[in-house]
Amino acid sequence: MRIIKKNNNLETSFENELVILNMDSGKYIQLNSSATNIWRLLEKFEDVNKIQAELKDLYLVTDKDLARDIDSFIASAKEAELIEVSY
């Protein structure tokens, strides 16, 4: 799976979390620290497997839990129209 950030996003930090707004749709999400790490890794990688490998080094979680968290992030970011996903 490949994920690409849309260009029309505005980011700002708010109370130790990151808020991302799609300027066209007005939809937004508020990310906790682990979701912010996923968002930041999208600047470096588009491939979900590479993102998961990077996060595996940061967190002590099972591959199953990590994959679930990444999938949840992708669903939220896609719902907010912040990313495009291709398979």
PDB file of N, CA and C in Angstrom:
ATOM      1  N   MET A   1       0.849  -1.178   0.000  1.00  0.00           N
ATOM      2  CA  MET A   1       0.000   0.000   0.000  1.00  0.00           C
ATOM      3  C   MET A   1       0.895   1.241   0.000  1.00  0.00           C
ATOM      4  N   ARG A   2       0.492   2.212  -0.785  1.00  0.00           N
ATOM      5  CA  ARG A   2       1.232   3.469  -0.905  1.00  0.00           C
ATOM      6  C   ARG A   2       0.351   4.615  -0.401  1.00  0.00           C
ATOM      7  N   ILE A   3       0.938   5.494   0.404  1.00  0.00           N
ATOM      8  CA  ILE A   3       0.205   6.624   0.973  1.00  0.00           C
ATOM      9  C   ILE A   3       0.917   7.911   0.595  1.00  0.00           C
ATOM     10  N   ILE A   4       0.144   8.870   0.125  1.00  0.00           N
ATOM     11  CA  ILE A   4       0.701  10.167  -0.253  1.00  0.00           C
ATOM     12  C   ILE A   4      -0.086  11.265   0.453  1.00  0.00           C
ATOM     13  N   LYS A   5       0.644  12.164   1.107  1.00  0.00           N
ATOM     14  CA  LYS A   5       0.001  13.325   1.726  1.00  0.00           C
ATOM     15  C   LYS A   5      -0.528  14.253   0.637  1.00  0.00           C
ATOM     16  N   LYS A   6      -1.703  14.799   0.854  1.00  0.00           N
ATOM     17  CA  LYS A   6      -2.223  15.813  -0.063  1.00  0.00           C
ATOM     18  C   LYS A   6      -1.512  17.132   0.207  1.00  0.00           C
ATOM     19  N   ASN A   7      -1.400  17.960  -0.809  1.00  0.00           N
ATOM     20  CA  ASN A   7      -0.654  19.221  -0.713  1.00  0.00           C
ATOM     21  C   ASN A   7      -1.424  20.340  -0.024  1.00  0.00           C
ATOM     22  N   ASN A   8      -2.705  20.173   0.150  1.00  0.00           N
ATOM     23  CA  ASN A   8      -3.539  21.253   0.675  1.00  0.00           C
ATOM     24  C   ASN A   8      -3.799  21.125   2.175  1.00  0.00           C
ATOM     25  N   ASN A   9      -2.822  20.586   2.908  1.00  0.00           N
ATOM     26  CA  ASN A   9      -2.965  20.405   4.352  1.00  0.00           C
ATOM     27  C   ASN A   9      -2.236  21.500   5.117  1.00  0.00           C
ATOM     28  N   LEU A  10      -2.818  21.895   6.209  1.00  0.00           N
ATOM     29  CA  LEU A  10      -2.200  22.861   7.115  1.00  0.00           C
ATOM     30  C   LEU A  10      -2.009  22.171   8.457  1.00  0.00           C
ATOM     31  N   GLU A  11      -0.796  22.269   9.009  1.00  0.00           N
ATOM     32  CA  GLU A  11      -0.479  21.608  10.281  1.00  0.00           C
ATOM     33  C   GLU A  11      -0.166  22.643  11.353  1.00  0.00           C
ATOM     34  N   THR A  12      -0.580  22.331  12.576  1.00  0.00           N
ATOM     35  CA  THR A  12      -0.208  23.155  13.721  1.00  0.00           C
ATOM     36  C   THR A  12      -0.191  22.289  14.978  1.00  0.00           C
ATOM     37  N   SER A  13       0.704  22.612  15.885  1.00  0.00           N
ATOM     38  CA  SER A  13       0.762  21.901  17.166  1.00  0.00           C
ATOM     39  C   SER A  13      -0.206  22.557  18.137  1.00  0.00           C
ATOM     40  N   PHE A  14      -0.850  21.728  18.934  1.00  0.00           N
ATOM     41  CA  PHE A  14      -1.821  22.220  19.908  1.00  0.00           C
ATOM     42  C   PHE A  14      -1.814  21.279  21.102  1.00  0.00           C
ATOM     43  N   GLU A  15      -1.397  21.773  22.255  1.00  0.00           N
ATOM     44  CA  GLU A  15      -1.371  20.986  23.485  1.00  0.00           C
ATOM     45  C   GLU A  15      -0.698  19.626  23.296  1.00  0.00           C
ATOM     46  N   ASN A  16       0.525  19.637  22.808  1.00  0.00           N
ATOM     47  CA  ASN A  16       1.335  18.429  22.617  1.00  0.00           C
ATOM     48  C   ASN A  16       0.772  17.450  21.592  1.00  0.00           C
ATOM     49  N   GLU A  17      -0.132  17.914  20.756  1.00  0.00           N
ATOM     50  CA  GLU A  17      -0.660  17.087  19.688  1.00  0.00           C
ATOM     51  C   GLU A  17      -0.582  17.887  18.394  1.00  0.00           C
ATOM     52  N   LEU A  18      -0.679  17.179  17.296  1.00  0.00           N
ATOM     53  CA  LEU A  18      -0.639  17.820  15.987  1.00  0.00           C
ATOM     54  C   LEU A  18      -2.047  17.841  15.410  1.00  0.00           C
ATOM     55  N   VAL A  19      -2.470  19.001  14.929  1.00  0.00           N
ATOM     56  CA  VAL A  19      -3.757  19.136  14.262  1.00  0.00           C
ATOM     57  C   VAL A  19      -3.479  19.403  12.793  1.00  0.00           C
ATOM     58  N   ILE A  20      -4.147  18.623  11.927  1.00  0.00           N
ATOM     59  CA  ILE A  20      -3.954  18.764  10.493  1.00  0.00           C
ATOM     60  C   ILE A  20      -5.299  19.059   9.856  1.00  0.00           C
ATOM     61  N   LEU A  21      -5.339  20.119   9.061  1.00  0.00           N
ATOM     62  CA  LEU A  21      -6.556  20.581   8.408  1.00  0.00           C
ATOM     63  C   LEU A  21      -6.405  20.490   6.902  1.00  0.00           C
ATOM     64  N   ASN A  22      -7.395  19.895   6.243  1.00  0.00           N
ATOM     65  CA  ASN A  22      -7.465  19.935   4.785  1.00  0.00           C
ATOM     66  C   ASN A  22      -8.104  21.268   4.422  1.00  0.00           C
ATOM     67  N   MET A  23      -7.347  22.135   3.790  1.00  0.00           N
ATOM     68  CA  MET A  23      -7.805  23.500   3.494  1.00  0.00           C
ATOM     69  C   MET A  23      -8.976  23.535   2.507  1.00  0.00           C
ATOM     70  N   ASP A  24      -9.106  22.514   1.659  1.00  0.00           N
ATOM     71  CA  ASP A  24     -10.194  22.497   0.682  1.00  0.00           C
ATOM     72  C   ASP A  24     -11.507  22.011   1.290  1.00  0.00           C
ATOM     73  N   SER A  25     -11.442  20.929   2.065  1.00  0.00           N
ATOM     74  CA  SER A  25     -12.673  20.333   2.592  1.00  0.00           C
ATOM     75  C   SER A  25     -13.055  20.868   3.971  1.00  0.00           C
ATOM     76  N   GLY A  26     -12.082  21.429   4.692  1.00  0.00           N
ATOM     77  CA  GLY A  26     -12.339  21.877   6.054  1.00  0.00           C
ATOM     78  C   GLY A  26     -12.297  20.752   7.074  1.00  0.00           C
ATOM     79  N   LYS A  27     -12.011  19.531   6.634  1.00  0.00           N
ATOM     80  CA  LYS A  27     -11.917  18.399   7.544  1.00  0.00           C
ATOM     81  C   LYS A  27     -10.553  18.401   8.217  1.00  0.00           C
ATOM     82  N   TYR A  28     -10.516  17.910   9.451  1.00  0.00           N
ATOM     83  CA  TYR A  28      -9.257  17.884  10.182  1.00  0.00           C
ATOM     84  C   TYR A  28      -9.206  16.690  11.121  1.00  0.00           C
ATOM     85  N   ILE A  29      -7.995  16.387  11.587  1.00  0.00           N
ATOM     86  CA  ILE A  29      -7.801  15.387  12.628  1.00  0.00           C
ATOM     87  C   ILE A  29      -6.786  15.919  13.625  1.00  0.00           C
ATOM     88  N   GLN A  30      -6.873  15.410  14.826  1.00  0.00           N
ATOM     89  CA  GLN A  30      -5.921  15.732  15.884  1.00  0.00           C
ATOM     90  C   GLN A  30      -5.162  14.453  16.196  1.00  0.00           C
ATOM     91  N   LEU A  31      -3.832  14.513  16.107  1.00  0.00           N
ATOM     92  CA  LEU A  31      -2.998  13.323  16.250  1.00  0.00           C
ATOM     93  C   LEU A  31      -2.271  13.304  17.587  1.00  0.00           C
ATOM     94  N   ASN A  32      -2.255  12.129  18.212  1.00  0.00           N
ATOM     95  CA  ASN A  32      -1.431  11.954  19.409  1.00  0.00           C
ATOM     96  C   ASN A  32       0.022  11.744  18.959  1.00  0.00           C
ATOM     97  N   SER A  33       0.906  11.495  19.892  1.00  0.00           N
ATOM     98  CA  SER A  33       2.329  11.424  19.542  1.00  0.00           C
ATOM     99  C   SER A  33       2.660  10.263  18.603  1.00  0.00           C
ATOM    100  N   SER A  34       2.055   9.104  18.799  1.00  0.00           N
ATOM    101  CA  SER A  34       2.374   7.987  17.904  1.00  0.00           C
ATOM    102  C   SER A  34       1.811   8.211  16.501  1.00  0.00           C
ATOM    103  N   ALA A  35       0.620   8.780  16.403  1.00  0.00           N
ATOM    104  CA  ALA A  35       0.060   9.097  15.083  1.00  0.00           C
ATOM    105  C   ALA A  35       0.861  10.207  14.413  1.00  0.00           C
ATOM    106  N   THR A  36       1.378  11.139  15.205  1.00  0.00           N
ATOM    107  CA  THR A  36       2.239  12.188  14.653  1.00  0.00           C
ATOM    108  C   THR A  36       3.504  11.580  14.074  1.00  0.00           C
ATOM    109  N   ASN A  37       4.040  10.547  14.720  1.00  0.00           N
ATOM    110  CA  ASN A  37       5.211   9.870  14.163  1.00  0.00           C
ATOM    111  C   ASN A  37       4.898   9.236  12.816  1.00  0.00           C
ATOM    112  N   ILE A  38       3.735   8.647  12.678  1.00  0.00           N
ATOM    113  CA  ILE A  38       3.335   8.084  11.382  1.00  0.00           C
ATOM    114  C   ILE A  38       3.253   9.198  10.347  1.00  0.00           C
ATOM    115  N   TRP A  39       2.614  10.304  10.698  1.00  0.00           N
ATOM    116  CA  TRP A  39       2.471  11.442   9.791  1.00  0.00           C
ATOM    117  C   TRP A  39       3.843  11.953   9.336  1.00  0.00           C
ATOM    118  N   ARG A  40       4.758  12.078  10.274  1.00  0.00           N
ATOM    119  CA  ARG A  40       6.109  12.560   9.944  1.00  0.00           C
ATOM    120  C   ARG A  40       6.850  11.577   9.041  1.00  0.00           C
ATOM    121  N   LEU A  41       6.640  10.282   9.263  1.00  0.00           N
ATOM    122  CA  LEU A  41       7.292   9.288   8.416  1.00  0.00           C
ATOM    123  C   LEU A  41       6.763   9.308   6.988  1.00  0.00           C
ATOM    124  N   LEU A  42       5.551   9.827   6.797  1.00  0.00           N
ATOM    125  CA  LEU A  42       5.017   9.964   5.435  1.00  0.00           C
ATOM    126  C   LEU A  42       5.814  10.970   4.611  1.00  0.00           C
ATOM    127  N   GLU A  43       6.568  11.829   5.276  1.00  0.00           N
ATOM    128  CA  GLU A  43       7.440  12.757   4.559  1.00  0.00           C
ATOM    129  C   GLU A  43       8.652  12.022   3.983  1.00  0.00           C
ATOM    130  N   LYS A  44       8.993  10.906   4.593  1.00  0.00           N
ATOM    131  CA  LYS A  44      10.165  10.134   4.214  1.00  0.00           C
ATOM    132  C   LYS A  44       9.808   8.922   3.344  1.00  0.00           C
ATOM    133  N   PHE A  45       8.704   8.279   3.674  1.00  0.00           N
ATOM    134  CA  PHE A  45       8.288   7.051   2.984  1.00  0.00           C
ATOM    135  C   PHE A  45       6.836   7.152   2.534  1.00  0.00           C
ATOM    136  N   GLU A  46       6.531   6.495   1.416  1.00  0.00           N
ATOM    137  CA  GLU A  46       5.150   6.359   0.971  1.00  0.00           C
ATOM    138  C   GLU A  46       4.643   4.940   1.189  1.00  0.00           C
ATOM    139  N   ASP A  47       5.564   4.006   1.375  1.00  0.00           N
ATOM    140  CA  ASP A  47       5.225   2.596   1.517  1.00  0.00           C
ATOM    141  C   ASP A  47       4.915   2.264   2.986  1.00  0.00           C
ATOM    142  N   VAL A  48       3.761   1.680   3.217  1.00  0.00           N
ATOM    143  CA  VAL A  48       3.332   1.367   4.575  1.00  0.00           C
ATOM    144  C   VAL A  48       4.294   0.390   5.252  1.00  0.00           C
ATOM    145  N   ASN A  49       4.833  -0.555   4.516  1.00  0.00           N
ATOM    146  CA  ASN A  49       5.759  -1.524   5.112  1.00  0.00           C
ATOM    147  C   ASN A  49       7.018  -0.844   5.644  1.00  0.00           C
ATOM    148  N   LYS A  50       7.499   0.165   4.945  1.00  0.00           N
ATOM    149  CA  LYS A  50       8.677   0.898   5.409  1.00  0.00           C
ATOM    150  C   LYS A  50       8.355   1.719   6.657  1.00  0.00           C
ATOM    151  N   ILE A  51       7.165   2.302   6.679  1.00  0.00           N
ATOM    152  CA  ILE A  51       6.729   3.051   7.859  1.00  0.00           C
ATOM    153  C   ILE A  51       6.629   2.108   9.058  1.00  0.00           C
ATOM    154  N   GLN A  52       6.047   0.935   8.839  1.00  0.00           N
ATOM    155  CA  GLN A  52       5.905  -0.032   9.926  1.00  0.00           C
ATOM    156  C   GLN A  52       7.272  -0.478  10.438  1.00  0.00           C
ATOM    157  N   ALA A  53       8.225  -0.691   9.550  1.00  0.00           N
ATOM    158  CA  ALA A  53       9.570  -1.106   9.963  1.00  0.00           C
ATOM    159  C   ALA A  53      10.233  -0.027  10.813  1.00  0.00           C
ATOM    160  N   GLU A  54      10.065   1.234  10.437  1.00  0.00           N
ATOM    161  CA  GLU A  54      10.632   2.339  11.214  1.00  0.00           C
ATOM    162  C   GLU A  54       9.990   2.427  12.605  1.00  0.00           C
ATOM    163  N   LEU A  55       8.676   2.284  12.653  1.00  0.00           N
ATOM    164  CA  LEU A  55       7.967   2.376  13.926  1.00  0.00           C
ATOM    165  C   LEU A  55       8.270   1.190  14.831  1.00  0.00           C
ATOM    166  N   LYS A  56       8.537   0.043  14.245  1.00  0.00           N
ATOM    167  CA  LYS A  56       8.859  -1.151  15.025  1.00  0.00           C
ATOM    168  C   LYS A  56      10.088  -0.907  15.894  1.00  0.00           C
ATOM    169  N   ASP A  57      11.012  -0.083  15.400  1.00  0.00           N
ATOM    170  CA  ASP A  57      12.211   0.249  16.168  1.00  0.00           C
ATOM    171  C   ASP A  57      11.927   1.239  17.302  1.00  0.00           C
ATOM    172  N   LEU A  58      10.819   1.973  17.213  1.00  0.00           N
ATOM    173  CA  LEU A  58      10.493   2.988  18.218  1.00  0.00           C
ATOM    174  C   LEU A  58       9.614   2.475  19.356  1.00  0.00           C
ATOM    175  N   TYR A  59       8.748   1.511  19.044  1.00  0.00           N
ATOM    176  CA  TYR A  59       7.756   1.073  20.017  1.00  0.00           C
ATOM    177  C   TYR A  59       7.883  -0.417  20.307  1.00  0.00           C
ATOM    178  N   LEU A  60       7.611  -0.792  21.522  1.00  0.00           N
ATOM    179  CA  LEU A  60       7.614  -2.190  21.928  1.00  0.00           C
ATOM    180  C   LEU A  60       6.200  -2.744  21.805  1.00  0.00           C
ATOM    181  N   VAL A  61       5.816  -3.055  20.580  1.00  0.00           N
ATOM    182  CA  VAL A  61       4.482  -3.596  20.299  1.00  0.00           C
ATOM    183  C   VAL A  61       4.627  -4.762  19.336  1.00  0.00           C
ATOM    184  N   THR A  62       3.595  -5.569  19.278  1.00  0.00           N
ATOM    185  CA  THR A  62       3.601  -6.672  18.320  1.00  0.00           C
ATOM    186  C   THR A  62       3.351  -6.138  16.920  1.00  0.00           C
ATOM    187  N   ASP A  63       3.746  -6.914  15.926  1.00  0.00           N
ATOM    188  CA  ASP A  63       3.497  -6.523  14.540  1.00  0.00           C
ATOM    189  C   ASP A  63       2.003  -6.350  14.293  1.00  0.00           C
ATOM    190  N   LYS A  64       1.204  -7.206  14.901  1.00  0.00           N
ATOM    191  CA  LYS A  64      -0.256  -7.148  14.731  1.00  0.00           C
ATOM    192  C   LYS A  64      -0.814  -5.836  15.292  1.00  0.00           C
ATOM    193  N   ASP A  65      -0.380  -5.464  16.503  1.00  0.00           N
ATOM    194  CA  ASP A  65      -0.858  -4.219  17.109  1.00  0.00           C
ATOM    195  C   ASP A  65      -0.392  -3.000  16.320  1.00  0.00           C
ATOM    196  N   LEU A  66       0.841  -3.038  15.864  1.00  0.00           N
ATOM    197  CA  LEU A  66       1.372  -1.925  15.090  1.00  0.00           C
ATOM    198  C   LEU A  66       0.614  -1.772  13.777  1.00  0.00           C
ATOM    199  N   ALA A  67       0.374  -2.879  13.088  1.00  0.00           N
ATOM    200  CA  ALA A  67      -0.377  -2.840  11.830  1.00  0.00           C
ATOM    201  C   ALA A  67      -1.786  -2.296  12.060  1.00  0.00           C
ATOM    202  N   ARG A  68      -2.412  -2.702  13.176  1.00  0.00           N
ATOM    203  CA  ARG A  68      -3.760  -2.211  13.499  1.00  0.00           C
ATOM    204  C   ARG A  68      -3.748  -0.705  13.730  1.00  0.00           C
ATOM    205  N   ASP A  69      -2.741  -0.217  14.460  1.00  0.00           N
ATOM    206  CA  ASP A  69      -2.646   1.219  14.724  1.00  0.00           C
ATOM    207  C   ASP A  69      -2.402   2.016  13.447  1.00  0.00           C
ATOM    208  N   ILE A  70      -1.562   1.498  12.573  1.00  0.00           N
ATOM    209  CA  ILE A  70      -1.295   2.173  11.308  1.00  0.00           C
ATOM    210  C   ILE A  70      -2.555   2.182  10.450  1.00  0.00           C
ATOM    211  N   ASP A  71      -3.258   1.055  10.398  1.00  0.00           N
ATOM    212  CA  ASP A  71      -4.507   0.989   9.629  1.00  0.00           C
ATOM    213  C   ASP A  71      -5.542   1.973  10.160  1.00  0.00           C
ATOM    214  N   SER A  72      -5.607   2.107  11.475  1.00  0.00           N
ATOM    215  CA  SER A  72      -6.532   3.058  12.080  1.00  0.00           C
ATOM    216  C   SER A  72      -6.168   4.493  11.702  1.00  0.00           C
ATOM    217  N   PHE A  73      -4.877   4.803  11.748  1.00  0.00           N
ATOM    218  CA  PHE A  73      -4.417   6.130  11.339  1.00  0.00           C
ATOM    219  C   PHE A  73      -4.779   6.396   9.878  1.00  0.00           C
ATOM    220  N   ILE A  74      -4.507   5.427   9.014  1.00  0.00           N
ATOM    221  CA  ILE A  74      -4.790   5.590   7.581  1.00  0.00           C
ATOM    222  C   ILE A  74      -6.276   5.847   7.363  1.00  0.00           C
ATOM    223  N   ALA A  75      -7.129   5.092   8.042  1.00  0.00           N
ATOM    224  CA  ALA A  75      -8.581   5.275   7.894  1.00  0.00           C
ATOM    225  C   ALA A  75      -8.998   6.676   8.327  1.00  0.00           C
ATOM    226  N   SER A  76      -8.464   7.155   9.445  1.00  0.00           N
ATOM    227  CA  SER A  76      -8.804   8.500   9.935  1.00  0.00           C
ATOM    228  C   SER A  76      -8.300   9.586   9.003  1.00  0.00           C
ATOM    229  N   ALA A  77      -7.070   9.450   8.545  1.00  0.00           N
ATOM    230  CA  ALA A  77      -6.484  10.456   7.648  1.00  0.00           C
ATOM    231  C   ALA A  77      -7.192  10.462   6.298  1.00  0.00           C
ATOM    232  N   LYS A  78      -7.583   9.295   5.829  1.00  0.00           N
ATOM    233  CA  LYS A  78      -8.319   9.210   4.557  1.00  0.00           C
ATOM    234  C   LYS A  78      -9.707   9.832   4.703  1.00  0.00           C
ATOM    235  N   GLU A  79     -10.360   9.557   5.819  1.00  0.00           N
ATOM    236  CA  GLU A  79     -11.686  10.131   6.102  1.00  0.00           C
ATOM    237  C   GLU A  79     -11.619  11.660   6.133  1.00  0.00           C
ATOM    238  N   ALA A  80     -10.515  12.182   6.669  1.00  0.00           N
ATOM    239  CA  ALA A  80     -10.330  13.632   6.745  1.00  0.00           C
ATOM    240  C   ALA A  80      -9.773  14.221   5.439  1.00  0.00           C
ATOM    241  N   GLU A  81      -9.612  13.353   4.437  1.00  0.00           N
ATOM    242  CA  GLU A  81      -9.139  13.766   3.107  1.00  0.00           C
ATOM    243  C   GLU A  81      -7.732  14.382   3.149  1.00  0.00           C
ATOM    244  N   LEU A  82      -6.873  13.840   4.030  1.00  0.00           N
ATOM    245  CA  LEU A  82      -5.518  14.351   4.170  1.00  0.00           C
ATOM    246  C   LEU A  82      -4.502  13.562   3.359  1.00  0.00           C
ATOM    247  N   ILE A  83      -4.895  12.357   2.953  1.00  0.00           N
ATOM    248  CA  ILE A  83      -3.991  11.471   2.204  1.00  0.00           C
ATOM    249  C   ILE A  83      -4.713  10.842   1.042  1.00  0.00           C
ATOM    250  N   GLU A  84      -3.915  10.310   0.123  1.00  0.00           N
ATOM    251  CA  GLU A  84      -4.431   9.447  -0.947  1.00  0.00           C
ATOM    252  C   GLU A  84      -3.775   8.088  -0.770  1.00  0.00           C
ATOM    253  N   VAL A  85      -4.549   7.037  -0.945  1.00  0.00           N
ATOM    254  CA  VAL A  85      -4.059   5.680  -0.756  1.00  0.00           C
ATOM    255  C   VAL A  85      -4.210   4.926  -2.064  1.00  0.00           C
ATOM    256  N   SER A  86      -3.138   4.213  -2.429  1.00  0.00           N
ATOM    257  CA  SER A  86      -3.229   3.332  -3.605  1.00  0.00           C
ATOM    258  C   SER A  86      -2.692   1.958  -3.221  1.00  0.00           C
ATOM    259  N   TYR A  87      -3.204   0.946  -3.877  1.00  0.00           N
ATOM    260  CA  TYR A  87      -2.840  -0.434  -3.553  1.00  0.00           C
ATOM    261  C   TYR A  87      -2.086  -1.091  -4.680  1.00  0.00           C
TER     262      TYR A  87
END
